Protein backbone atom coordinates (compact mmCIF):
# COMPACT_ATOMS: atom_id res chain seq x y z
CA MET A 1 29.04 15.18 45.61
CA ASN A 2 32.22 16.29 46.30
CA PRO A 3 33.96 16.08 49.78
CA GLU A 4 32.91 19.52 51.19
CA GLN A 5 29.25 18.98 50.46
CA ARG A 6 29.52 14.84 52.09
CA GLN A 7 31.13 16.67 55.26
CA ARG A 8 28.42 18.98 55.45
CA ARG A 9 26.04 16.25 55.62
CA MET A 10 27.49 13.77 58.12
CA LEU A 11 27.54 16.88 60.54
CA ALA A 12 24.01 17.39 59.94
CA ALA A 13 23.56 14.39 61.65
CA LEU A 14 24.72 14.79 64.39
CA PRO A 15 23.45 16.84 67.84
CA LEU A 16 24.04 20.90 67.35
CA LEU A 17 26.55 20.04 70.66
CA LEU A 18 28.89 18.23 68.41
CA GLN A 19 28.71 19.70 65.21
CA ASP A 20 30.69 22.83 66.28
CA GLY A 21 33.46 19.97 67.38
CA ALA A 22 37.52 20.73 65.81
CA ASN A 23 38.27 17.60 66.15
CA ILE A 24 34.83 15.67 65.12
CA GLY A 25 35.36 18.59 62.12
CA GLU A 26 38.66 17.24 61.06
CA LEU A 27 37.81 13.22 61.42
CA PHE A 28 34.59 13.92 59.11
CA SER A 29 36.33 15.83 56.66
CA ALA A 30 39.01 12.68 56.30
CA LEU A 31 36.29 10.54 55.73
CA ALA A 32 34.26 12.63 53.16
CA ARG A 33 38.05 12.90 51.33
CA VAL A 34 37.69 8.78 51.69
CA LEU A 35 34.50 8.04 50.93
CA SER A 36 34.43 10.83 47.79
CA GLY A 37 37.65 11.60 46.58
CA ALA A 38 38.88 12.60 42.99
CA PRO A 39 40.33 10.11 40.70
CA GLU A 40 43.74 10.14 41.63
CA ASP A 41 42.92 10.00 45.18
CA ALA A 42 40.45 6.25 44.09
CA GLY A 43 38.11 7.33 46.40
CA MET A 44 35.43 4.99 47.54
CA GLU A 45 32.86 7.20 45.35
CA TYR A 46 35.60 6.90 42.26
CA GLY A 47 35.77 3.06 42.48
CA VAL A 48 32.08 2.57 42.82
CA THR A 49 31.72 4.85 39.72
CA ARG A 50 34.33 2.71 37.88
CA VAL A 51 32.50 -0.29 38.89
CA LEU A 52 29.36 0.86 37.18
CA ARG A 53 30.91 2.19 34.04
CA SER A 54 32.71 -1.49 33.46
CA ARG A 55 29.39 -2.98 34.19
CA TRP A 56 26.96 -1.03 32.38
CA HIS A 57 27.09 0.00 28.99
CA PRO A 58 25.01 3.36 29.24
CA LEU A 59 27.89 4.53 31.61
CA ALA A 60 30.86 2.88 30.31
CA ASP A 61 33.20 5.74 28.63
CA GLY A 62 33.11 5.56 24.90
CA TRP A 63 35.75 7.23 22.59
CA ASP A 64 35.77 10.31 20.54
CA ASP A 65 34.67 10.56 16.90
CA GLY A 66 38.21 12.08 15.91
CA THR A 67 40.25 9.28 17.39
CA PRO A 68 38.64 6.07 15.99
CA LYS A 69 41.76 4.10 16.60
CA ASP A 70 41.57 4.17 20.72
CA MET A 71 37.88 2.68 20.22
CA HIS A 72 39.16 -0.40 21.24
CA LEU A 73 40.88 0.62 24.02
CA SER A 74 37.67 2.17 25.27
CA GLU A 75 35.45 0.98 28.16
CA LEU A 76 32.65 0.65 26.18
CA ALA A 77 34.35 -1.45 23.55
CA ARG A 78 36.09 -3.66 26.08
CA LEU A 79 32.44 -4.13 27.72
CA GLY A 80 31.54 -5.41 23.99
CA ALA A 81 34.39 -7.76 23.43
CA LEU A 82 32.89 -9.57 26.80
CA PHE A 83 29.95 -10.68 24.89
CA GLY A 84 31.99 -10.95 21.34
CA PHE A 85 30.65 -7.66 20.35
CA ALA A 86 32.98 -5.64 18.57
CA PRO A 87 32.67 -1.84 16.83
CA ALA A 88 32.46 -1.42 13.42
CA ALA A 89 35.67 0.30 11.79
CA GLY A 90 34.26 4.63 11.81
CA GLU A 91 31.25 3.73 14.22
CA THR A 92 30.44 5.81 16.55
CA ALA A 93 30.19 5.41 20.25
CA GLU A 94 26.60 6.38 20.84
CA ARG A 95 25.48 4.22 17.44
CA PHE A 96 27.66 1.40 18.82
CA ARG A 97 26.50 1.66 22.40
CA ARG A 98 22.85 1.81 21.01
CA ARG A 99 23.54 -1.46 19.30
CA LEU A 100 25.86 -3.11 21.89
CA GLY A 101 22.09 -2.55 24.38
CA GLU A 102 20.30 -4.22 21.36
CA PHE A 103 22.49 -7.01 21.90
CA ILE A 104 22.46 -7.65 25.57
CA ALA A 105 18.45 -7.64 25.16
CA ILE A 106 18.72 -10.09 22.75
CA HIS A 107 21.16 -12.29 25.06
CA ARG A 108 18.73 -11.61 27.87
CA ALA A 109 15.50 -12.85 25.81
CA GLY A 110 16.90 -16.12 24.74
CA LEU A 111 19.17 -17.28 21.64
CA THR A 112 18.12 -20.33 19.48
CA THR A 113 15.11 -18.87 18.31
CA ALA A 114 13.64 -17.10 15.34
CA SER A 115 13.33 -13.56 16.56
CA ALA A 116 16.69 -13.70 17.84
CA ILE A 117 18.18 -14.62 14.51
CA LEU A 118 16.16 -11.84 12.90
CA ARG A 119 17.30 -9.32 15.57
CA LEU A 120 21.00 -10.23 15.08
CA VAL A 121 20.32 -9.79 11.27
CA ALA A 122 18.71 -6.43 12.16
CA LEU A 123 21.99 -5.02 13.56
CA VAL A 124 24.31 -6.67 10.95
CA TYR A 125 21.91 -4.10 8.73
CA HIS A 126 22.68 -1.19 10.87
CA ALA A 127 18.76 -0.92 11.15
CA GLU A 128 17.25 2.64 12.79
CA ALA A 129 14.64 0.65 15.20
CA PRO A 130 14.08 -3.35 15.82
CA PRO A 131 12.74 -5.18 13.55
CA ALA A 132 8.54 -5.87 13.11
CA LEU A 133 8.40 -9.44 12.86
CA ALA A 134 5.57 -11.41 10.97
CA TRP A 135 5.03 -14.94 10.76
CA PRO A 136 3.34 -15.59 7.21
CA ASP A 137 3.27 -19.47 7.60
CA GLU A 138 4.83 -22.13 9.87
CA ARG A 139 7.88 -22.23 8.46
CA SER A 140 8.56 -19.02 7.96
CA VAL A 141 9.52 -15.74 9.61
CA VAL A 142 9.47 -12.21 8.04
CA ALA A 143 11.26 -9.02 9.20
CA THR A 144 10.96 -5.71 8.04
CA PHE A 145 12.88 -2.89 9.39
CA ASP A 146 14.38 0.44 7.82
CA ALA A 147 18.00 0.42 6.85
CA ARG A 148 20.80 3.20 5.11
CA ASP A 149 21.75 2.04 2.12
CA VAL A 150 25.37 2.46 0.13
CA GLU A 151 24.39 6.62 -1.09
CA GLY A 152 22.40 6.64 2.84
CA THR A 153 18.86 6.78 1.40
CA LEU A 154 16.56 5.07 3.73
CA ARG A 155 14.98 1.90 2.59
CA PRO A 156 12.92 -0.68 3.58
CA VAL A 157 13.95 -3.86 3.90
CA ARG A 158 12.45 -7.12 4.37
CA VAL A 159 14.12 -10.42 4.95
CA GLU A 160 13.13 -13.98 5.56
CA LEU A 161 13.88 -17.14 7.60
CA ILE A 162 12.49 -20.31 6.61
CA GLU A 163 12.64 -23.49 8.66
CA ASN A 164 13.61 -26.79 6.66
CA PRO A 165 13.77 -25.14 3.28
CA SER A 166 13.95 -27.25 0.14
CA ALA A 167 17.29 -28.41 -1.39
CA PRO A 168 18.19 -29.98 -4.48
CA ALA A 169 19.17 -33.40 -4.57
CA SER A 170 19.27 -35.81 -7.77
CA ALA A 171 20.09 -39.67 -8.52
CA SER A 172 21.99 -40.86 -11.37
CA PHE A 173 22.37 -43.88 -12.87
CA ILE A 174 24.25 -45.82 -15.71
CA ALA A 175 23.45 -47.98 -18.42
CA VAL A 176 20.40 -48.95 -16.52
CA ASN A 177 18.64 -52.30 -18.51
CA PRO A 178 15.29 -54.20 -16.65
CA ALA A 179 16.92 -56.81 -15.04
CA ARG A 180 18.48 -53.36 -12.58
CA GLU A 181 16.67 -51.90 -9.72
CA MET A 182 17.28 -48.05 -8.79
CA LEU A 183 17.50 -47.43 -5.10
CA VAL A 184 16.66 -43.49 -4.72
CA ARG A 185 16.67 -42.08 -0.99
CA ASN A 186 14.64 -39.18 0.16
CA ARG A 187 15.88 -37.65 2.84
CA GLY A 188 13.68 -34.61 3.16
CA LEU A 189 10.33 -34.43 5.77
CA ASP A 190 8.46 -34.79 2.71
CA PRO A 191 7.23 -37.32 -0.03
CA ALA A 192 8.28 -35.11 -3.03
CA ILE A 193 7.73 -35.67 -7.29
CA PRO A 194 10.80 -36.05 -9.20
CA GLU A 195 12.06 -35.21 -12.85
CA ILE A 196 13.00 -37.92 -14.62
CA ARG A 197 15.56 -37.66 -17.51
CA LEU A 198 16.38 -40.25 -19.61
CA ARG A 199 19.02 -41.30 -22.57
CA PRO A 200 18.76 -44.11 -24.44
CA SER A 201 21.96 -45.80 -25.47
CA GLY A 202 22.32 -49.06 -26.99
CA GLY A 203 19.06 -48.49 -29.02
CA PRO A 204 15.61 -46.72 -29.77
CA ALA A 205 13.76 -46.92 -26.75
CA HIS A 206 9.97 -47.72 -27.91
CA VAL A 207 7.57 -46.61 -25.51
CA PRO A 208 9.83 -46.42 -22.19
CA VAL A 209 8.62 -47.10 -18.38
CA LEU A 210 9.69 -46.11 -15.32
CA ILE A 211 8.16 -48.09 -12.51
CA HIS A 212 7.48 -47.13 -8.87
CA GLU A 213 8.16 -50.53 -7.14
CA GLY A 214 6.86 -49.19 -3.73
CA THR A 215 3.39 -48.58 -5.10
CA GLY A 216 3.22 -50.21 -8.56
CA LEU A 217 2.46 -46.70 -11.07
CA ARG A 218 4.33 -46.78 -13.20
CA ALA A 219 4.63 -43.40 -16.08
CA ILE A 220 4.91 -44.53 -19.53
CA TYR A 221 5.73 -42.12 -22.26
CA VAL A 222 3.51 -43.19 -25.15
CA GLY A 223 6.46 -42.45 -27.75
CA ILE A 224 10.27 -43.30 -29.40
CA VAL A 225 13.04 -41.99 -28.30
CA LYS A 226 16.32 -42.35 -29.83
CA PRO A 227 19.99 -43.06 -28.89
CA GLY A 228 21.60 -40.00 -27.96
CA GLN A 229 18.12 -38.31 -27.35
CA THR A 230 17.49 -36.88 -23.60
CA LEU A 231 13.69 -37.48 -22.92
CA THR A 232 12.62 -35.68 -19.65
CA LEU A 233 9.53 -36.37 -17.93
CA ARG A 234 7.91 -33.51 -15.87
CA HIS A 235 5.03 -33.82 -13.36
CA ARG A 236 1.64 -32.45 -15.32
CA LEU A 237 3.81 -30.91 -17.76
CA GLN A 238 4.39 -31.62 -21.18
CA PRO A 239 7.36 -34.03 -21.99
CA LEU A 240 10.55 -32.78 -23.22
CA LEU A 241 13.04 -34.50 -25.87
CA ASP A 242 16.46 -32.72 -25.88
CA GLY A 243 14.46 -29.80 -24.07
CA ILE A 244 11.55 -29.01 -27.01
CA PRO A 245 8.10 -29.75 -25.86
CA GLN A 246 6.41 -32.95 -27.31
CA ASP A 247 2.50 -33.69 -27.72
CA VAL A 248 3.02 -37.12 -26.70
CA PRO A 249 0.85 -38.24 -23.86
CA VAL A 250 2.02 -39.36 -20.28
CA LEU A 251 0.18 -42.35 -18.63
CA LEU A 252 0.46 -42.97 -15.08
CA THR A 253 -0.76 -46.24 -14.75
CA ASN A 254 -1.21 -49.39 -13.00
CA PRO A 255 0.76 -52.48 -13.75
CA TYR A 256 -1.41 -55.22 -13.77
CA ALA A 257 -5.11 -54.07 -15.02
CA PHE A 258 -4.04 -54.37 -18.35
CA ASP A 259 -0.97 -57.08 -18.31
CA ALA A 260 -1.48 -59.89 -21.00
CA ALA A 261 -0.57 -62.20 -18.83
CA ASN A 262 -1.79 -61.85 -15.42
CA ALA A 263 -5.36 -59.42 -16.69
CA ILE A 264 -8.49 -61.27 -15.79
CA PHE A 265 -10.58 -59.88 -18.69
CA GLY A 266 -8.29 -59.53 -20.99
CA PRO A 267 -6.73 -56.74 -23.43
CA ASN A 268 -10.01 -55.67 -24.04
CA PRO A 269 -10.77 -52.05 -24.61
CA ALA A 270 -13.88 -52.08 -22.81
CA ASP A 271 -12.04 -52.85 -19.68
CA ALA A 272 -10.42 -49.51 -19.48
CA ARG A 273 -12.88 -48.72 -16.62
CA PHE A 274 -11.27 -51.04 -14.31
CA SER A 275 -7.92 -49.24 -14.94
CA LEU A 276 -6.33 -46.38 -12.44
CA ALA A 277 -4.40 -45.22 -15.59
CA GLU A 278 -4.52 -41.26 -16.11
CA ARG A 279 -3.46 -39.34 -19.28
CA ASP A 280 -2.49 -36.14 -17.70
CA ALA A 281 1.46 -36.82 -17.03
CA THR A 282 0.96 -37.26 -13.44
CA LEU A 283 4.63 -39.08 -11.74
CA PRO A 284 4.53 -41.04 -9.48
CA ALA A 285 5.65 -39.67 -5.54
CA LEU A 286 8.98 -40.27 -4.15
CA ASP A 287 8.04 -41.34 -0.39
CA ILE A 288 9.94 -40.46 2.55
CA GLY A 289 13.38 -42.75 2.76
CA GLU A 290 14.24 -45.39 0.64
CA ASN A 291 12.42 -46.05 -3.38
CA THR A 292 13.15 -48.28 -5.47
CA TRP A 293 12.49 -48.29 -9.52
CA ARG A 294 13.21 -50.06 -12.43
CA TYR A 295 12.87 -49.01 -16.01
CA ASP A 296 11.29 -51.08 -19.27
CA THR A 297 9.28 -50.62 -22.59
CA VAL A 298 5.57 -51.68 -22.83
CA ALA A 299 5.08 -54.20 -25.87
CA ARG A 300 2.39 -53.34 -28.15
CA ALA A 301 -0.67 -55.61 -26.68
CA GLU A 302 0.07 -54.46 -23.43
CA LEU A 303 -0.08 -50.87 -24.53
CA VAL A 304 -3.49 -51.79 -26.30
CA GLY A 305 -5.03 -52.11 -23.82
CA PHE A 306 -4.00 -49.22 -21.84
CA LEU A 307 -4.58 -46.98 -24.69
CA GLY A 308 -8.51 -48.25 -24.96
CA ALA A 309 -10.07 -45.72 -22.50
CA TRP A 310 -9.23 -43.32 -25.66
CA LYS A 311 -10.20 -43.66 -28.92
CA ASP A 312 -7.99 -40.75 -29.81
CA LEU A 313 -5.20 -42.42 -28.31
CA ALA A 314 -5.69 -45.43 -30.07
CA PRO A 315 -3.29 -45.11 -33.29
CA LEU A 316 -0.58 -44.43 -31.03
CA ALA A 317 -0.34 -48.36 -29.91
CA ALA A 318 1.81 -48.60 -33.74
CA ARG A 319 4.84 -46.98 -31.43
CA ALA A 320 5.35 -49.59 -29.40
CA LEU A 321 7.19 -53.37 -30.57
CA LEU A 322 5.17 -56.18 -30.72
CA LEU A 323 7.80 -58.06 -29.17
CA ARG A 324 9.34 -56.18 -26.28
CA THR A 325 13.17 -54.81 -26.55
CA THR A 326 14.47 -52.81 -23.93
CA PRO A 327 18.07 -50.63 -24.25
CA SER A 328 20.32 -49.79 -21.83
CA ALA A 329 19.76 -45.90 -20.87
CA ASP A 330 21.05 -43.60 -18.37
CA ILE A 331 18.26 -42.30 -15.93
CA GLU A 332 18.46 -39.33 -13.65
CA LEU A 333 15.98 -38.73 -11.08
CA ARG A 334 15.88 -34.71 -9.59
CA TRP A 335 13.82 -33.34 -6.94
CA ARG A 336 13.47 -30.96 -4.14
CA GLU A 337 13.18 -32.18 -0.68
CA ALA A 338 12.55 -30.23 2.78
CA VAL A 339 16.09 -30.64 4.61
CA PRO A 340 15.48 -31.35 8.28
CA ALA A 341 17.53 -29.39 10.91
CA SER A 342 18.47 -26.01 8.98
CA LEU A 343 18.01 -22.46 8.41
CA ALA A 344 17.54 -20.68 5.54
CA LEU A 345 17.80 -16.52 5.74
CA ARG A 346 16.64 -15.12 2.48
CA VAL A 347 18.07 -11.60 2.08
CA PRO A 348 17.74 -9.12 -0.93
CA ALA A 349 20.45 -8.65 -3.44
CA ASP A 350 19.95 -5.61 -5.13
CA PHE A 351 20.42 -3.81 -1.22
CA VAL A 352 23.87 -3.62 0.59
CA PRO A 353 23.96 -1.44 3.92
CA ARG A 354 25.85 1.59 4.38
CA LEU A 355 28.00 0.12 7.01
CA PRO A 356 30.35 2.41 8.92
CA ASP A 357 33.63 2.77 6.38
CA ASP A 358 37.59 2.93 8.08
CA GLY A 359 38.44 5.19 5.29
CA THR A 360 40.16 2.50 3.44
CA PRO A 361 38.72 2.27 -0.23
CA ARG A 362 37.15 -0.61 -1.25
CA ALA A 363 35.08 -1.96 -3.96
CA LEU A 364 31.49 -2.30 -3.76
CA ALA A 365 32.05 -6.43 -4.32
CA ASP A 366 34.26 -6.37 -0.60
CA ARG A 367 31.65 -4.70 0.61
CA PHE A 368 29.01 -6.90 -0.24
CA PHE A 369 31.17 -9.84 0.71
CA ALA A 370 31.95 -8.50 3.87
CA PHE A 371 28.23 -7.50 4.48
CA LEU A 372 27.66 -11.66 3.74
CA ARG A 373 30.00 -12.89 6.10
CA GLU A 374 28.66 -11.00 9.11
CA LEU A 375 24.96 -12.19 8.11
CA GLU A 376 26.47 -15.87 8.00
CA TRP A 377 28.25 -15.00 12.20
CA ALA A 378 24.33 -13.35 12.86
CA LEU A 379 22.68 -17.11 11.88
CA HIS A 380 25.48 -19.25 13.26
CA TYR A 381 25.75 -17.49 16.25
CA ALA A 382 22.29 -17.45 17.60
CA ARG A 383 21.48 -21.27 16.02
CA ALA A 384 20.91 -24.29 17.98
CA ALA A 385 23.69 -26.52 17.82
CA GLY A 386 23.80 -28.89 14.80
CA VAL A 387 21.22 -26.93 12.95
CA ARG A 388 22.95 -25.89 9.68
CA ALA A 389 21.92 -22.62 8.14
CA ARG A 390 22.76 -20.86 5.12
CA VAL A 391 22.18 -16.99 3.18
CA GLU A 392 20.23 -16.91 0.11
CA LEU A 393 19.99 -13.80 -1.85
CA ALA A 394 16.78 -13.23 -3.42
CA LEU A 395 16.18 -11.34 -6.58
CA PRO A 396 13.14 -8.44 -6.26
CA HIS A 397 10.00 -9.39 -8.02
CA VAL A 398 9.02 -7.36 -11.14
CA SER A 399 5.65 -5.59 -11.15
CA GLU A 400 3.65 -7.40 -13.69
CA VAL A 401 0.47 -4.53 -13.18
CA LEU A 402 0.72 -2.45 -15.93
CA GLU A 403 -1.65 0.50 -14.98
CA LEU A 404 -2.77 2.82 -17.62
CA ARG A 405 -3.42 6.41 -16.80
CA ASP A 406 -3.96 9.56 -18.50
CA ASP A 407 -2.24 12.66 -16.72
CA LEU A 408 -3.59 15.15 -19.54
CA SER A 409 -6.21 17.86 -18.32
CA GLN A 410 -7.41 20.87 -19.58
CA GLU A 411 -8.88 23.71 -17.87
CA ALA A 412 -10.78 26.47 -19.77
CA THR A 413 -13.67 29.11 -18.82
CA GLN A 414 -15.49 30.61 -21.48
CA SER A 415 -18.42 32.46 -21.61
CA LEU A 416 -21.31 32.13 -24.44
CA GLY A 417 -23.46 35.48 -25.05
CA GLU A 418 -26.13 36.15 -27.72
CA GLN A 419 -27.81 39.45 -28.23
CA LEU A 420 -31.31 38.13 -29.34
CA PRO A 421 -33.84 41.26 -29.62
CA ILE A 422 -37.79 40.67 -29.84
CA THR A 423 -39.72 43.01 -31.86
CA GLU A 424 -43.30 42.89 -33.33
CA ASN A 425 -44.48 45.19 -35.89
CA ALA A 426 -48.51 45.25 -36.81
CA PRO A 427 -49.69 46.48 -40.29
CA PRO A 428 -52.45 49.06 -39.71
CA PRO A 429 -56.19 47.89 -40.64
CA ALA A 430 -56.61 51.07 -42.55
CA PRO A 431 -54.85 54.44 -43.19
CA GLY A 432 -54.48 56.40 -40.29
CA ILE A 433 -55.15 53.85 -38.00
CA ARG A 434 -52.22 52.85 -35.62
CA LEU A 435 -52.14 50.11 -33.37
CA HIS A 436 -49.90 50.15 -30.01
CA ASP A 437 -48.92 47.35 -27.73
CA THR A 438 -49.52 48.50 -24.09
CA LEU A 439 -46.93 45.75 -22.97
CA ALA A 440 -43.64 46.51 -21.92
CA GLU A 441 -41.24 45.14 -24.21
CA PRO A 442 -39.42 42.30 -23.03
CA ALA A 443 -35.62 42.00 -22.27
CA ASP A 444 -33.81 39.10 -22.60
CA GLY A 445 -30.21 38.69 -20.71
CA ASP A 446 -27.04 37.30 -22.23
CA LEU A 447 -26.95 33.45 -21.65
CA SER A 448 -23.40 32.60 -20.22
CA PHE A 449 -21.93 29.33 -18.73
CA GLY A 450 -18.53 28.12 -17.49
CA GLY A 451 -16.85 24.86 -16.24
CA HIS A 452 -13.74 22.47 -15.96
CA PHE A 453 -13.76 20.31 -18.58
CA ASP A 454 -10.80 17.63 -18.95
CA THR A 455 -10.09 15.29 -22.38
CA THR A 456 -13.76 13.51 -22.27
CA TYR A 457 -15.84 15.08 -24.93
CA PHE A 458 -18.38 17.44 -24.80
CA ASP A 459 -21.53 17.51 -25.99
CA THR A 460 -23.24 20.76 -26.43
CA SER A 461 -27.14 21.26 -26.30
CA LEU A 462 -29.36 22.97 -28.29
CA PHE A 463 -31.24 25.97 -26.96
CA ASP A 464 -34.92 26.15 -28.99
CA GLU A 465 -36.72 29.36 -29.18
CA ALA A 466 -40.59 28.66 -27.92
CA GLU A 467 -43.63 30.50 -29.65
CA THR A 468 -45.64 33.26 -27.86
CA GLU A 469 -49.35 32.79 -27.90
CA PRO A 470 -51.05 36.45 -27.81
């Protein structure tokens, strides 16, 4: 509203007798100039406009596309700087205005949530619209949105935020003997089943056994491991010897069922029904917290009791020594544990978004590393204090479904016609006598048909001429 319009509005509120007064008109004209005022006069309306522009991102002045070097001096960029959100190099003012509005909306809804983190990740990807969220299970959230790649093609993107992701853990022990205990700590949230690697160093290990002291269960490898060889025991899988699968049973047994010194019934094969022995290569689980393990070998008399339940395994008892002799060995346990107070953002490794460019030539690897730093910023900005976060790159799944399809087709139009004249001549019964048929001679039309055929074999039909009785 200009000063003249404001002056007329203020005069219209007065009685008619006072509206024509010269002094009152000059007073209201001065007030209109003070209230409205041009930018150079610093009027009240201009001041209110400046306050609104400096407080609301939809009203803040941006920058021209042709002068990106001045973007950080604009009101819109300075408003984003209050939240630590700066425009990207080469980004237009309208696009940054939309991203800043989404950034402010995230703060209004609250940080430290899975939805806030994924909405920030979508901003890093310069998504065309806010992401759609889905919870496939209680520990993960999936966000899907559309973004443009480096070539400008619009592609769907799927990112996943995992709570308490699993991480690899291990414990190694050198020169372990039967008198030494191995203390293993499982710092995860759930029990874990380890992968055990054993490498004898003092001699061959005949039928080695790994004992879990907490449960009393022990895993027995019914075989011989030579010095320098590495035995790998895997849960319910074939054992490996130097990486080669071995057709050797691995038993999970109760330690006292067939112990020759402590057994109630003695090493009788018929007593196998009292044992907890399993031959499916099951391994003991690591409980949460501390776990104590021991390493030893099995004597032949003890092994006979364990193998008595399976007649096909009874000859394998000869692999054990009559007197137990246990060489020292290097042992390593590997497992995966759910790390508490942690987050993992899983993003596709084959997608780099099309980010605004300032014109500086950069390699694709540099762009990718800068993009990863932006993702790490989004994770650390929205996470709660004390929560560890990391970015994981996931390769796309290769389709394992083979679709067999034949797109060949053939279209043909064919007309089949056949002339079949019907004639009949009867010989005269006597000279001079002729017979004439009073019925009209039948006239048949042409037989024709057409159709759409593909590669399917077409079986023709047979048309037989029917006999006509007189």
